[in-house]
Amino acid sequence: PGVRAIVLRINSPGGSASAAQEICDYLRDIRESGTPLVASMGAIAASGGYYIACNADTIVANPATLTGSIGVIMSFTNLEDLFEKIGMDFEVVKSGKYKDTGSWSREMTPEERELLQETVDDIHAQFVEAVSSARGMAMEEVGDIADGRVFSGRQALAEGLVDRLGSLDDAVALAGRMGGLGDEPRVQEP
């Protein structure tokens, strides 16, 4: 109850989409409780880091912060030729024809690639919807820049992905004002 505002410092290149979604749900609850929430971007707040930042009342980025990267990726390594060269073979027993999709020991089939692409596209659509909703941007507007590219903080400001440029100290002062504590609030770090 003594917390009047929260500054969430984000310094992350991203990671799991589901982890970002869970953090977003928690931050949405905080925001809806009326506690001001300011995201402060460090050197990098991209992909899942940006996904999380979207749920803040205000996003503050350094002009040189790397952010955005609104996209989803799955990456698989095919070592089939190497295994053949060293004489290594795999015997696979599986419960369904797709259970070893992405195996290191063989090339992916067109059918498997299509299934994975559909999954990536669905998660990407969820990301675009979350940004659109949280930032108050049209889906098409987000879709135009949701191609995985990164932006500098200054570029992100021009695209409407962040609200202002500044440092962590600027974000703390803003949160203090939003929480009725003035420009130099007492800060408690976890």
C-alpha atoms as a PDB file:
ATOM      1  CA  PRO A   1       0.000   0.000   0.000  1.00  0.00           C
ATOM      2  CA  GLY A   2       2.945   2.374   0.473  1.00  0.00           C
ATOM      3  CA  VAL A   3       3.973   2.058  -3.165  1.00  0.00           C
ATOM      4  CA  ARG A   4       2.667   5.078  -5.049  1.00  0.00           C
ATOM      5  CA  ALA A   5       4.281   4.362  -8.444  1.00  0.00           C
ATOM      6  CA  ILE A   6       6.439   1.707 -10.073  1.00  0.00           C
ATOM      7  CA  VAL A   7       9.373   2.096 -12.446  1.00  0.00           C
ATOM      8  CA  LEU A   8      10.091  -1.104 -14.324  1.00  0.00           C
ATOM      9  CA  ARG A   9      13.659  -1.067 -15.648  1.00  0.00           C
ATOM     10  CA  ILE A  10      13.920  -3.279 -18.715  1.00  0.00           C
ATOM     11  CA  ASN A  11      17.250  -4.385 -20.132  1.00  0.00           C
ATOM     12  CA  SER A  12      16.445  -7.490 -22.159  1.00  0.00           C
ATOM     13  CA  PRO A  13      16.726  -8.720 -25.745  1.00  0.00           C
ATOM     14  CA  GLY A  14      13.528 -10.712 -25.218  1.00  0.00           C
ATOM     15  CA  GLY A  15      12.946 -14.415 -24.919  1.00  0.00           C
ATOM     16  CA  SER A  16       9.897 -16.589 -24.470  1.00  0.00           C
ATOM     17  CA  ALA A  17       6.624 -15.166 -25.773  1.00  0.00           C
ATOM     18  CA  SER A  18       4.621 -16.972 -23.112  1.00  0.00           C
ATOM     19  CA  ALA A  19       6.846 -15.581 -20.327  1.00  0.00           C
ATOM     20  CA  ALA A  20       6.369 -12.074 -21.732  1.00  0.00           C
ATOM     21  CA  GLN A  21       2.597 -12.619 -21.839  1.00  0.00           C
ATOM     22  CA  GLU A  22       2.535 -13.725 -18.195  1.00  0.00           C
ATOM     23  CA  ILE A  23       4.525 -10.664 -17.122  1.00  0.00           C
ATOM     24  CA  CYS A  24       2.190  -8.492 -19.220  1.00  0.00           C
ATOM     25  CA  ASP A  25      -0.847  -9.901 -17.424  1.00  0.00           C
ATOM     26  CA  TYR A  26       0.715  -9.067 -14.061  1.00  0.00           C
ATOM     27  CA  LEU A  27       1.649  -5.540 -15.187  1.00  0.00           C
ATOM     28  CA  ARG A  28      -1.847  -4.987 -16.595  1.00  0.00           C
ATOM     29  CA  ASP A  29      -3.273  -5.838 -13.158  1.00  0.00           C
ATOM     30  CA  ILE A  30      -0.933  -3.310 -11.522  1.00  0.00           C
ATOM     31  CA  ARG A  31      -1.858  -0.650 -14.046  1.00  0.00           C
ATOM     32  CA  GLU A  32      -5.586  -1.320 -13.656  1.00  0.00           C
ATOM     33  CA  SER A  33      -5.229  -1.051  -9.866  1.00  0.00           C
ATOM     34  CA  GLY A  34      -4.413   2.628 -10.368  1.00  0.00           C
ATOM     35  CA  THR A  35      -0.727   2.428  -9.457  1.00  0.00           C
ATOM     36  CA  PRO A  36       1.218   4.416 -12.071  1.00  0.00           C
ATOM     37  CA  LEU A  37       3.642   2.230 -14.014  1.00  0.00           C
ATOM     38  CA  VAL A  38       6.576   3.652 -15.976  1.00  0.00           C
ATOM     39  CA  ALA A  39       8.801   1.454 -18.152  1.00  0.00           C
ATOM     40  CA  SER A  40      12.405   2.617 -18.354  1.00  0.00           C
ATOM     41  CA  MET A  41      14.357   1.056 -21.190  1.00  0.00           C
ATOM     42  CA  GLY A  42      18.046   0.349 -20.713  1.00  0.00           C
ATOM     43  CA  ALA A  43      20.505  -0.501 -23.481  1.00  0.00           C
ATOM     44  CA  ILE A  44      18.096  -2.981 -25.024  1.00  0.00           C
ATOM     45  CA  ALA A  45      14.380  -3.643 -24.595  1.00  0.00           C
ATOM     46  CA  ALA A  46      13.568  -5.636 -27.686  1.00  0.00           C
ATOM     47  CA  SER A  47      11.076  -8.333 -28.639  1.00  0.00           C
ATOM     48  CA  GLY A  48       9.786  -9.741 -25.316  1.00  0.00           C
ATOM     49  CA  GLY A  49      11.370  -6.754 -23.548  1.00  0.00           C
ATOM     50  CA  TYR A  50       9.277  -4.427 -25.699  1.00  0.00           C
ATOM     51  CA  TYR A  51       6.197  -6.660 -25.309  1.00  0.00           C
ATOM     52  CA  ILE A  52       6.468  -6.169 -21.524  1.00  0.00           C
ATOM     53  CA  ALA A  53       7.064  -2.407 -21.762  1.00  0.00           C
ATOM     54  CA  CYS A  54       3.824  -1.907 -23.696  1.00  0.00           C
ATOM     55  CA  ASN A  55       1.770  -2.378 -20.557  1.00  0.00           C
ATOM     56  CA  ALA A  56       3.243   0.642 -18.814  1.00  0.00           C
ATOM     57  CA  ASP A  57       1.379   3.933 -18.582  1.00  0.00           C
ATOM     58  CA  THR A  58       4.455   5.601 -20.048  1.00  0.00           C
ATOM     59  CA  ILE A  59       7.537   4.199 -21.797  1.00  0.00           C
ATOM     60  CA  VAL A  60      10.810   6.114 -21.424  1.00  0.00           C
ATOM     61  CA  ALA A  61      13.711   5.115 -23.697  1.00  0.00           C
ATOM     62  CA  ASN A  62      17.210   6.428 -24.066  1.00  0.00           C
ATOM     63  CA  PRO A  63      17.748   7.820 -27.586  1.00  0.00           C
ATOM     64  CA  ALA A  64      20.202   4.961 -28.238  1.00  0.00           C
ATOM     65  CA  THR A  65      18.124   2.156 -26.661  1.00  0.00           C
ATOM     66  CA  LEU A  66      17.587  -0.746 -29.041  1.00  0.00           C
ATOM     67  CA  THR A  67      13.906  -1.648 -28.965  1.00  0.00           C
ATOM     68  CA  GLY A  68      11.071  -2.922 -31.104  1.00  0.00           C
ATOM     69  CA  SER A  69      11.934  -6.235 -32.736  1.00  0.00           C
ATOM     70  CA  ILE A  70       8.229  -7.038 -32.887  1.00  0.00           C
ATOM     71  CA  GLY A  71       8.494 -10.512 -34.286  1.00  0.00           C
ATOM     72  CA  VAL A  72       8.706 -14.212 -33.506  1.00  0.00           C
ATOM     73  CA  ILE A  73      11.398 -16.680 -34.469  1.00  0.00           C
ATOM     74  CA  MET A  74      11.930 -20.423 -34.284  1.00  0.00           C
ATOM     75  CA  SER A  75      15.369 -21.649 -35.257  1.00  0.00           C
ATOM     76  CA  PHE A  76      16.436 -25.232 -35.931  1.00  0.00           C
ATOM     77  CA  THR A  77      19.837 -26.689 -36.772  1.00  0.00           C
ATOM     78  CA  ASN A  78      20.135 -29.453 -39.344  1.00  0.00           C
ATOM     79  CA  LEU A  79      23.264 -31.532 -38.711  1.00  0.00           C
ATOM     80  CA  GLU A  80      22.269 -34.339 -41.059  1.00  0.00           C
ATOM     81  CA  ASP A  81      25.349 -33.947 -43.305  1.00  0.00           C
ATOM     82  CA  LEU A  82      27.719 -33.802 -40.327  1.00  0.00           C
ATOM     83  CA  PHE A  83      26.164 -36.897 -38.779  1.00  0.00           C
ATOM     84  CA  GLU A  84      26.508 -38.724 -42.107  1.00  0.00           C
ATOM     85  CA  LYS A  85      30.143 -37.630 -42.402  1.00  0.00           C
ATOM     86  CA  ILE A  86      31.045 -39.007 -38.965  1.00  0.00           C
ATOM     87  CA  GLY A  87      28.895 -42.100 -39.385  1.00  0.00           C
ATOM     88  CA  MET A  88      26.284 -41.251 -36.799  1.00  0.00           C
ATOM     89  CA  ASP A  89      22.694 -42.343 -37.312  1.00  0.00           C
ATOM     90  CA  PHE A  90      19.489 -41.888 -35.320  1.00  0.00           C
ATOM     91  CA  GLU A  91      16.684 -44.321 -34.691  1.00  0.00           C
ATOM     92  CA  VAL A  92      13.498 -42.494 -33.712  1.00  0.00           C
ATOM     93  CA  VAL A  93      10.413 -43.930 -32.073  1.00  0.00           C
ATOM     94  CA  LYS A  94       7.613 -41.397 -31.834  1.00  0.00           C
ATOM     95  CA  SER A  95       3.953 -41.153 -30.978  1.00  0.00           C
ATOM     96  CA  GLY A  96       2.953 -39.078 -33.985  1.00  0.00           C
ATOM     97  CA  LYS A  97       4.380 -38.044 -37.326  1.00  0.00           C
ATOM     98  CA  TYR A  98       5.181 -34.503 -36.121  1.00  0.00           C
ATOM     99  CA  LYS A  99       6.772 -35.391 -32.769  1.00  0.00           C
ATOM    100  CA  ASP A 100      10.349 -34.984 -34.076  1.00  0.00           C
ATOM    101  CA  THR A 101       9.728 -31.840 -36.095  1.00  0.00           C
ATOM    102  CA  GLY A 102      12.917 -29.777 -36.041  1.00  0.00           C
ATOM    103  CA  SER A 103      15.149 -32.799 -35.453  1.00  0.00           C
ATOM    104  CA  TRP A 104      18.894 -32.238 -35.838  1.00  0.00           C
ATOM    105  CA  SER A 105      19.193 -35.466 -37.795  1.00  0.00           C
ATOM    106  CA  ARG A 106      17.078 -34.712 -40.846  1.00  0.00           C
ATOM    107  CA  GLU A 107      15.720 -31.997 -43.072  1.00  0.00           C
ATOM    108  CA  MET A 108      12.331 -30.580 -42.165  1.00  0.00           C
ATOM    109  CA  THR A 109       9.486 -31.608 -44.472  1.00  0.00           C
ATOM    110  CA  PRO A 110       7.413 -28.939 -46.260  1.00  0.00           C
ATOM    111  CA  GLU A 111       4.396 -30.028 -44.194  1.00  0.00           C
ATOM    112  CA  GLU A 112       6.339 -29.572 -40.923  1.00  0.00           C
ATOM    113  CA  ARG A 113       7.619 -26.167 -42.044  1.00  0.00           C
ATOM    114  CA  GLU A 114       4.049 -25.088 -42.838  1.00  0.00           C
ATOM    115  CA  LEU A 115       2.817 -26.177 -39.390  1.00  0.00           C
ATOM    116  CA  LEU A 116       5.609 -24.289 -37.629  1.00  0.00           C
ATOM    117  CA  GLN A 117       5.017 -21.211 -39.787  1.00  0.00           C
ATOM    118  CA  GLU A 118       1.352 -21.231 -38.779  1.00  0.00           C
ATOM    119  CA  THR A 119       2.395 -21.332 -35.112  1.00  0.00           C
ATOM    120  CA  VAL A 120       4.898 -18.499 -35.549  1.00  0.00           C
ATOM    121  CA  ASP A 121       2.276 -16.448 -37.410  1.00  0.00           C
ATOM    122  CA  ASP A 122      -0.263 -17.003 -34.615  1.00  0.00           C
ATOM    123  CA  ILE A 123       2.162 -15.918 -31.877  1.00  0.00           C
ATOM    124  CA  HIS A 124       3.201 -12.926 -34.017  1.00  0.00           C
ATOM    125  CA  ALA A 125      -0.453 -11.920 -34.414  1.00  0.00           C
ATOM    126  CA  GLN A 126      -0.846 -12.094 -30.622  1.00  0.00           C
ATOM    127  CA  PHE A 127       2.197  -9.799 -30.244  1.00  0.00           C
ATOM    128  CA  VAL A 128       0.823  -7.300 -32.788  1.00  0.00           C
ATOM    129  CA  GLU A 129      -2.603  -7.354 -31.073  1.00  0.00           C
ATOM    130  CA  ALA A 130      -0.971  -6.723 -27.676  1.00  0.00           C
ATOM    131  CA  VAL A 131       1.045  -3.766 -28.994  1.00  0.00           C
ATOM    132  CA  SER A 132      -1.989  -2.362 -30.804  1.00  0.00           C
ATOM    133  CA  SER A 133      -4.168  -2.608 -27.721  1.00  0.00           C
ATOM    134  CA  ALA A 134      -1.616  -1.353 -25.205  1.00  0.00           C
ATOM    135  CA  ARG A 135      -0.301   1.500 -27.348  1.00  0.00           C
ATOM    136  CA  GLY A 136      -3.654   2.553 -28.832  1.00  0.00           C
ATOM    137  CA  MET A 137      -2.339   2.039 -32.347  1.00  0.00           C
ATOM    138  CA  ALA A 138      -4.246   0.603 -35.303  1.00  0.00           C
ATOM    139  CA  MET A 139      -3.434  -3.027 -36.089  1.00  0.00           C
ATOM    140  CA  GLU A 140      -2.316  -2.020 -39.577  1.00  0.00           C
ATOM    141  CA  GLU A 141       0.000   0.641 -38.158  1.00  0.00           C
ATOM    142  CA  VAL A 142       1.665  -1.896 -35.869  1.00  0.00           C
ATOM    143  CA  GLY A 143       1.708  -4.496 -38.648  1.00  0.00           C
ATOM    144  CA  ASP A 144       3.657  -2.121 -40.886  1.00  0.00           C
ATOM    145  CA  ILE A 145       6.562  -2.066 -38.399  1.00  0.00           C
ATOM    146  CA  ALA A 146       6.162  -5.538 -36.869  1.00  0.00           C
ATOM    147  CA  ASP A 147       8.682  -7.186 -39.160  1.00  0.00           C
ATOM    148  CA  GLY A 148      11.305  -7.980 -36.535  1.00  0.00           C
ATOM    149  CA  ARG A 149      13.425  -4.866 -37.040  1.00  0.00           C
ATOM    150  CA  VAL A 150      14.948  -3.007 -34.144  1.00  0.00           C
ATOM    151  CA  PHE A 151      14.658   0.729 -33.623  1.00  0.00           C
ATOM    152  CA  SER A 152      16.750   3.200 -31.712  1.00  0.00           C
ATOM    153  CA  GLY A 153      14.871   4.930 -28.921  1.00  0.00           C
ATOM    154  CA  ARG A 154      14.631   8.031 -31.077  1.00  0.00           C
ATOM    155  CA  GLN A 155      13.241   6.034 -34.019  1.00  0.00           C
ATOM    156  CA  ALA A 156      10.807   4.258 -31.683  1.00  0.00           C
ATOM    157  CA  LEU A 157       9.544   7.631 -30.450  1.00  0.00           C
ATOM    158  CA  ALA A 158       8.879   8.700 -34.050  1.00  0.00           C
ATOM    159  CA  GLU A 159       6.969   5.424 -34.668  1.00  0.00           C
ATOM    160  CA  GLY A 160       4.846   5.819 -31.517  1.00  0.00           C
ATOM    161  CA  LEU A 161       6.401   2.814 -29.790  1.00  0.00           C
ATOM    162  CA  VAL A 162       7.692   4.854 -26.832  1.00  0.00           C
ATOM    163  CA  ASP A 163       6.358   8.010 -25.187  1.00  0.00           C
ATOM    164  CA  ARG A 164       9.462  10.004 -24.389  1.00  0.00           C
ATOM    165  CA  LEU A 165      13.232   9.967 -24.390  1.00  0.00           C
ATOM    166  CA  GLY A 166      15.178  10.050 -21.167  1.00  0.00           C
ATOM    167  CA  SER A 167      17.202   8.218 -18.576  1.00  0.00           C
ATOM    168  CA  LEU A 168      16.294   6.045 -15.605  1.00  0.00           C
ATOM    169  CA  ASP A 169      16.429   9.188 -13.446  1.00  0.00           C
ATOM    170  CA  ASP A 170      13.934  10.861 -15.786  1.00  0.00           C
ATOM    171  CA  ALA A 171      11.636   7.831 -15.494  1.00  0.00           C
ATOM    172  CA  VAL A 172      11.868   7.927 -11.687  1.00  0.00           C
ATOM    173  CA  ALA A 173      11.050  11.653 -11.624  1.00  0.00           C
ATOM    174  CA  LEU A 174       8.087  11.066 -13.951  1.00  0.00           C
ATOM    175  CA  ALA A 175       6.801   8.190 -11.812  1.00  0.00           C
ATOM    176  CA  GLY A 176       7.172  10.403  -8.737  1.00  0.00           C
ATOM    177  CA  ARG A 177       5.024  13.091 -10.324  1.00  0.00           C
ATOM    178  CA  MET A 178       2.461  10.518 -11.486  1.00  0.00           C
ATOM    179  CA  GLY A 179       2.282   9.109  -7.953  1.00  0.00           C
ATOM    180  CA  GLY A 180       1.957  12.540  -6.335  1.00  0.00           C
ATOM    181  CA  LEU A 181       5.439  12.372  -4.807  1.00  0.00           C
ATOM    182  CA  GLY A 182       7.179  15.164  -6.705  1.00  0.00           C
ATOM    183  CA  ASP A 183      10.303  14.990  -8.857  1.00  0.00           C
ATOM    184  CA  GLU A 184      12.547  13.339  -6.257  1.00  0.00           C
ATOM    185  CA  PRO A 185      10.569  10.486  -4.713  1.00  0.00           C
ATOM    186  CA  ARG A 186      12.079   8.057  -2.234  1.00  0.00           C
ATOM    187  CA  VAL A 187      13.044   4.991  -4.247  1.00  0.00           C
ATOM    188  CA  GLN A 188      12.910   1.474  -2.911  1.00  0.00           C
ATOM    189  CA  GLU A 189      14.623  -1.109  -5.083  1.00  0.00           C
ATOM    190  CA  PRO A 190      13.732  -4.797  -4.804  1.00  0.00           C
END
